Amino acid sequence: VEMDGDEMTRVFWKSIKEKLIYPFLELDIKYFDLGLPNRDATNDKVTIESAEATLKYNVAIKCATITPDEGRVKEFNLKQMWRSPNGTIRNILNGTVFREPIICRNVPKLVPGWTKPICIGRHAFGDQYRASEEIIRGAGTLKMVFVPDGQGGNTELEVYRFKHPGGVAMSMYNTDESIQAFAEASMNTALQKKWPLYLSTKNTILKKYDGRFKDIFQEVYESKWKSKFEAIGIWYEHR
């Protein structure tokens, strides 16, 4: 799956394909134009279609894309301020984003004394990318309500009492299933690389939200991965 992007990345990617890919490989490419004008023209359906194609074919290359702000909305005359395409794709894939440096011997490292590599894994479902937010215009009470599908009453939390007009509010979420998948992906990657794994959260402040990540990671590690890690001399820790 090929996801084209915006501005100079389109130019670079076109040159890379023509010089380094097409002369040597013949591939059945499923092409999606994720450039901002086409996302606007398709009401962002092209982003969803590209993610669904990735689920089908399991391999995708994505170019850099613009997440529009107020200035970009005016510049491109957009219908609306579209969401981050990265966030949309990650939410559909329900995956984990791993970032690590590409080391080239002829490219000097920014930190010359850095000898051991690291890989950063970030959860790619829910959280800020799918948060609901609102500008608070007047005084009043902000509440968060959970309405169960089955039996049982609503759970209602009073978040804040706005005594004066003006403010902002945000609500975000995640699921046990997605956090478990994040833990599995992280531990599988650590095992393949034979590197120790560290989970960093703010569970001292977000005792329930980040605390859930901490607890699920520990459960997954103890039940499935601990013996495998110990067998090759690596470990998992929450920090």
Protein backbone atom coordinates (compact mmCIF):
# COMPACT_ATOMS: atom_id res chain seq x y z
CA VAL A 1 0.00 0.00 0.00
CA GLU A 2 1.41 3.37 -1.03
CA MET A 3 0.20 6.51 0.75
CA ASP A 4 1.34 9.66 -1.02
CA GLY A 5 1.77 12.84 0.99
CA ASP A 6 2.04 16.62 0.86
CA GLU A 7 4.43 19.25 -0.43
CA MET A 8 8.11 18.28 -0.86
CA THR A 9 7.60 14.72 0.34
CA ARG A 10 5.70 14.08 -2.92
CA VAL A 11 8.71 15.30 -4.89
CA PHE A 12 11.23 13.27 -2.89
CA TRP A 13 9.11 10.12 -2.93
CA LYS A 14 8.55 10.36 -6.71
CA SER A 15 12.32 10.63 -7.24
CA ILE A 16 13.03 7.70 -4.91
CA LYS A 17 10.53 5.49 -6.73
CA GLU A 18 11.87 6.37 -10.18
CA LYS A 19 15.54 5.97 -9.27
CA LEU A 20 15.63 3.22 -6.64
CA ILE A 21 12.45 1.14 -6.87
CA TYR A 22 10.87 0.96 -10.33
CA PRO A 23 14.10 -0.04 -12.17
CA PHE A 24 14.59 -3.03 -9.87
CA LEU A 25 11.19 -4.18 -8.63
CA GLU A 26 7.85 -4.93 -10.21
CA LEU A 27 5.18 -4.66 -7.53
CA ASP A 28 1.40 -4.61 -7.43
CA ILE A 29 0.98 -1.27 -5.66
CA LYS A 30 -2.29 -0.09 -4.16
CA TYR A 31 -1.98 3.70 -4.42
CA PHE A 32 -3.77 6.24 -2.21
CA ASP A 33 -3.28 10.00 -2.49
CA LEU A 34 -3.27 11.36 1.06
CA GLY A 35 -2.33 14.84 -0.07
CA LEU A 36 -4.45 17.44 1.70
CA PRO A 37 -6.43 18.51 -1.42
CA ASN A 38 -7.50 14.90 -2.07
CA ARG A 39 -8.36 14.27 1.57
CA ASP A 40 -10.59 17.33 1.41
CA ALA A 41 -12.14 16.27 -1.92
CA THR A 42 -12.98 12.81 -0.55
CA ASN A 43 -14.10 14.07 2.88
CA ASP A 44 -11.12 12.16 4.30
CA LYS A 45 -12.49 8.81 3.08
CA VAL A 46 -9.20 8.17 1.26
CA THR A 47 -7.42 8.05 4.63
CA ILE A 48 -9.81 5.41 5.95
CA GLU A 49 -9.55 3.41 2.71
CA SER A 50 -5.74 3.44 2.88
CA ALA A 51 -5.80 2.14 6.45
CA GLU A 52 -8.28 -0.61 5.56
CA ALA A 53 -6.06 -1.61 2.62
CA THR A 54 -3.10 -1.82 5.01
CA LEU A 55 -5.07 -4.21 7.21
CA LYS A 56 -5.66 -6.34 4.11
CA TYR A 57 -2.15 -6.34 2.63
CA ASN A 58 -0.10 -5.95 5.86
CA VAL A 59 2.57 -3.66 4.37
CA ALA A 60 2.38 0.08 3.72
CA ILE A 61 4.64 3.04 3.06
CA LYS A 62 3.31 6.45 4.08
CA CYS A 63 4.72 9.84 3.16
CA ALA A 64 4.56 12.87 5.42
CA THR A 65 1.19 14.63 5.42
CA ILE A 66 -0.18 17.95 6.62
CA THR A 67 -2.48 18.04 9.62
CA PRO A 68 -4.31 21.30 8.95
CA ASP A 69 -4.59 24.17 11.40
CA GLU A 70 -6.56 27.40 10.91
CA GLY A 71 -3.94 28.77 8.51
CA ARG A 72 -3.96 25.66 6.34
CA VAL A 73 -7.76 25.66 6.21
CA LYS A 74 -7.63 29.12 4.64
CA GLU A 75 -4.60 28.33 2.45
CA PHE A 76 -6.19 25.23 0.90
CA ASN A 77 -9.79 26.47 1.15
CA LEU A 78 -10.72 23.31 3.05
CA LYS A 79 -14.23 22.21 3.94
CA GLN A 80 -13.17 21.72 7.55
CA MET A 81 -10.11 21.24 9.77
CA TRP A 82 -9.52 17.54 9.08
CA ARG A 83 -8.10 15.26 11.76
CA SER A 84 -4.53 13.99 11.69
CA PRO A 85 -4.29 11.25 9.03
CA ASN A 86 -1.68 9.53 11.18
CA GLY A 87 -4.14 9.42 14.05
CA THR A 88 -6.90 8.03 11.84
CA ILE A 89 -4.65 5.32 10.40
CA ARG A 90 -3.22 4.34 13.78
CA ASN A 91 -6.67 4.11 15.30
CA ILE A 92 -7.86 1.76 12.55
CA LEU A 93 -4.72 -0.38 12.67
CA ASN A 94 -4.81 -0.45 16.49
CA GLY A 95 -1.07 -0.82 16.43
CA THR A 96 2.09 0.43 18.08
CA VAL A 97 4.42 3.00 16.54
CA PHE A 98 8.09 2.05 16.89
CA ARG A 99 10.74 4.65 16.17
CA GLU A 100 14.46 3.98 16.02
CA PRO A 101 17.37 5.68 14.26
CA ILE A 102 18.75 4.58 10.92
CA ILE A 103 22.52 4.50 11.41
CA CYS A 104 24.74 5.25 8.41
CA ARG A 105 28.51 5.03 8.76
CA ASN A 106 29.01 8.08 6.53
CA VAL A 107 26.53 10.25 8.48
CA PRO A 108 27.91 11.66 11.77
CA LYS A 109 25.76 10.97 14.82
CA LEU A 110 24.32 13.96 16.67
CA VAL A 111 25.48 12.34 19.92
CA PRO A 112 28.92 10.87 19.14
CA GLY A 113 29.16 9.02 22.45
CA TRP A 114 25.90 7.17 21.85
CA THR A 115 26.97 3.58 21.22
CA LYS A 116 23.95 1.46 22.16
CA PRO A 117 20.75 1.88 20.12
CA ILE A 118 17.29 2.51 21.53
CA CYS A 119 13.83 2.01 20.08
CA ILE A 120 10.82 4.03 21.25
CA GLY A 121 7.39 2.40 21.13
CA ARG A 122 4.28 4.55 21.43
CA HIS A 123 0.69 3.44 21.78
CA ALA A 124 -1.22 4.37 18.63
CA PHE A 125 -4.86 3.95 19.63
CA GLY A 126 -7.20 6.43 21.31
CA ASP A 127 -5.78 8.98 23.76
CA GLN A 128 -5.18 12.50 22.39
CA TYR A 129 -5.66 11.48 18.75
CA ARG A 130 -9.30 10.59 19.35
CA ALA A 131 -10.09 12.89 22.26
CA SER A 132 -13.29 14.94 22.43
CA GLU A 133 -12.70 18.58 23.28
CA GLU A 134 -14.75 21.69 23.83
CA ILE A 135 -14.28 25.39 24.48
CA ILE A 136 -16.18 26.39 27.61
CA ARG A 137 -17.93 29.69 27.00
CA GLY A 138 -19.73 30.28 30.28
CA ALA A 139 -19.78 29.42 33.96
CA GLY A 140 -21.09 26.00 34.90
CA THR A 141 -20.23 22.43 35.84
CA LEU A 142 -18.26 20.04 33.64
CA LYS A 143 -19.22 16.39 34.08
CA MET A 144 -18.14 13.08 32.57
CA VAL A 145 -20.87 10.43 32.23
CA PHE A 146 -20.64 6.73 31.35
CA VAL A 147 -23.90 5.13 30.21
CA PRO A 148 -23.75 1.29 30.27
CA ASP A 149 -25.36 -0.69 27.44
CA GLY A 150 -26.74 -3.32 29.81
CA GLN A 151 -28.12 -3.15 33.31
CA GLY A 152 -26.83 -0.77 35.92
CA GLY A 153 -26.94 2.93 36.49
CA ASN A 154 -24.89 5.67 34.93
CA THR A 155 -21.49 6.60 36.33
CA GLU A 156 -21.19 10.36 36.67
CA LEU A 157 -18.06 12.27 37.65
CA GLU A 158 -17.91 15.98 38.34
CA VAL A 159 -14.75 17.17 36.64
CA TYR A 160 -14.70 20.89 37.37
CA ARG A 161 -16.90 23.78 38.39
CA PHE A 162 -16.23 26.78 36.13
CA LYS A 163 -16.95 29.80 38.33
CA HIS A 164 -16.11 32.27 35.59
CA PRO A 165 -16.77 32.16 31.82
CA GLY A 166 -14.05 30.77 29.58
CA GLY A 167 -11.97 27.61 29.55
CA VAL A 168 -11.35 24.36 27.73
CA ALA A 169 -12.18 20.72 28.41
CA MET A 170 -11.09 17.39 26.97
CA SER A 171 -12.07 13.75 27.42
CA MET A 172 -10.10 10.80 26.10
CA TYR A 173 -10.22 7.04 26.35
CA ASN A 174 -8.50 3.72 25.78
CA THR A 175 -9.45 0.05 25.99
CA ASP A 176 -8.00 -2.93 27.84
CA GLU A 177 -7.85 -4.82 24.54
CA SER A 178 -5.74 -2.13 22.89
CA ILE A 179 -3.44 -1.75 25.90
CA GLN A 180 -2.89 -5.52 25.93
CA ALA A 181 -2.01 -5.41 22.22
CA PHE A 182 0.43 -2.58 22.97
CA ALA A 183 2.06 -4.68 25.69
CA GLU A 184 2.29 -7.74 23.44
CA ALA A 185 3.82 -5.75 20.57
CA SER A 186 6.33 -4.08 22.87
CA MET A 187 7.44 -7.31 24.51
CA ASN A 188 7.63 -9.17 21.22
CA THR A 189 9.85 -6.42 19.79
CA ALA A 190 12.08 -6.46 22.87
CA LEU A 191 12.44 -10.24 22.61
CA GLN A 192 13.32 -10.10 18.90
CA LYS A 193 15.93 -7.41 19.49
CA LYS A 194 17.16 -9.01 22.73
CA TRP A 195 16.89 -5.64 24.48
CA PRO A 196 15.41 -4.85 27.93
CA LEU A 197 12.01 -3.14 27.93
CA TYR A 198 10.94 -0.15 30.02
CA LEU A 199 7.42 1.28 30.29
CA SER A 200 7.17 4.93 31.30
CA THR A 201 3.88 6.33 32.61
CA LYS A 202 2.64 9.15 34.81
CA ASN A 203 0.76 6.75 37.08
CA THR A 204 1.59 8.82 40.17
CA ILE A 205 -0.68 11.55 38.77
CA LEU A 206 -3.05 9.59 36.51
CA LYS A 207 -3.56 6.80 38.99
CA LYS A 208 -6.39 5.10 37.09
CA TYR A 209 -5.61 6.01 33.47
CA ASP A 210 -1.86 5.45 33.36
CA GLY A 211 -2.21 3.01 36.23
CA ARG A 212 -4.25 0.76 33.94
CA PHE A 213 -1.36 0.68 31.44
CA LYS A 214 1.06 -0.20 34.25
CA ASP A 215 -1.14 -3.01 35.61
CA ILE A 216 -1.92 -4.60 32.23
CA PHE A 217 1.73 -4.52 31.14
CA GLN A 218 2.71 -6.27 34.37
CA GLU A 219 -0.03 -8.90 33.95
CA VAL A 220 0.98 -9.62 30.34
CA TYR A 221 4.65 -9.83 31.29
CA GLU A 222 4.13 -12.16 34.25
CA SER A 223 1.73 -14.48 32.41
CA LYS A 224 3.55 -14.89 29.10
CA TRP A 225 6.88 -13.12 28.66
CA LYS A 226 8.85 -13.23 31.91
CA SER A 227 10.37 -16.68 31.38
CA LYS A 228 11.25 -15.85 27.75
CA PHE A 229 12.95 -12.63 28.80
CA GLU A 230 14.92 -14.28 31.59
CA ALA A 231 16.06 -17.06 29.26
CA ILE A 232 18.01 -14.56 27.13
CA GLY A 233 19.05 -12.24 29.95
CA ILE A 234 16.73 -9.29 29.38
CA TRP A 235 14.04 -7.80 31.62
CA TYR A 236 10.96 -5.59 31.81
CA GLU A 237 10.52 -2.70 34.24
CA HIS A 238 7.98 0.06 34.80
CA ARG A 239 9.59 3.41 35.47
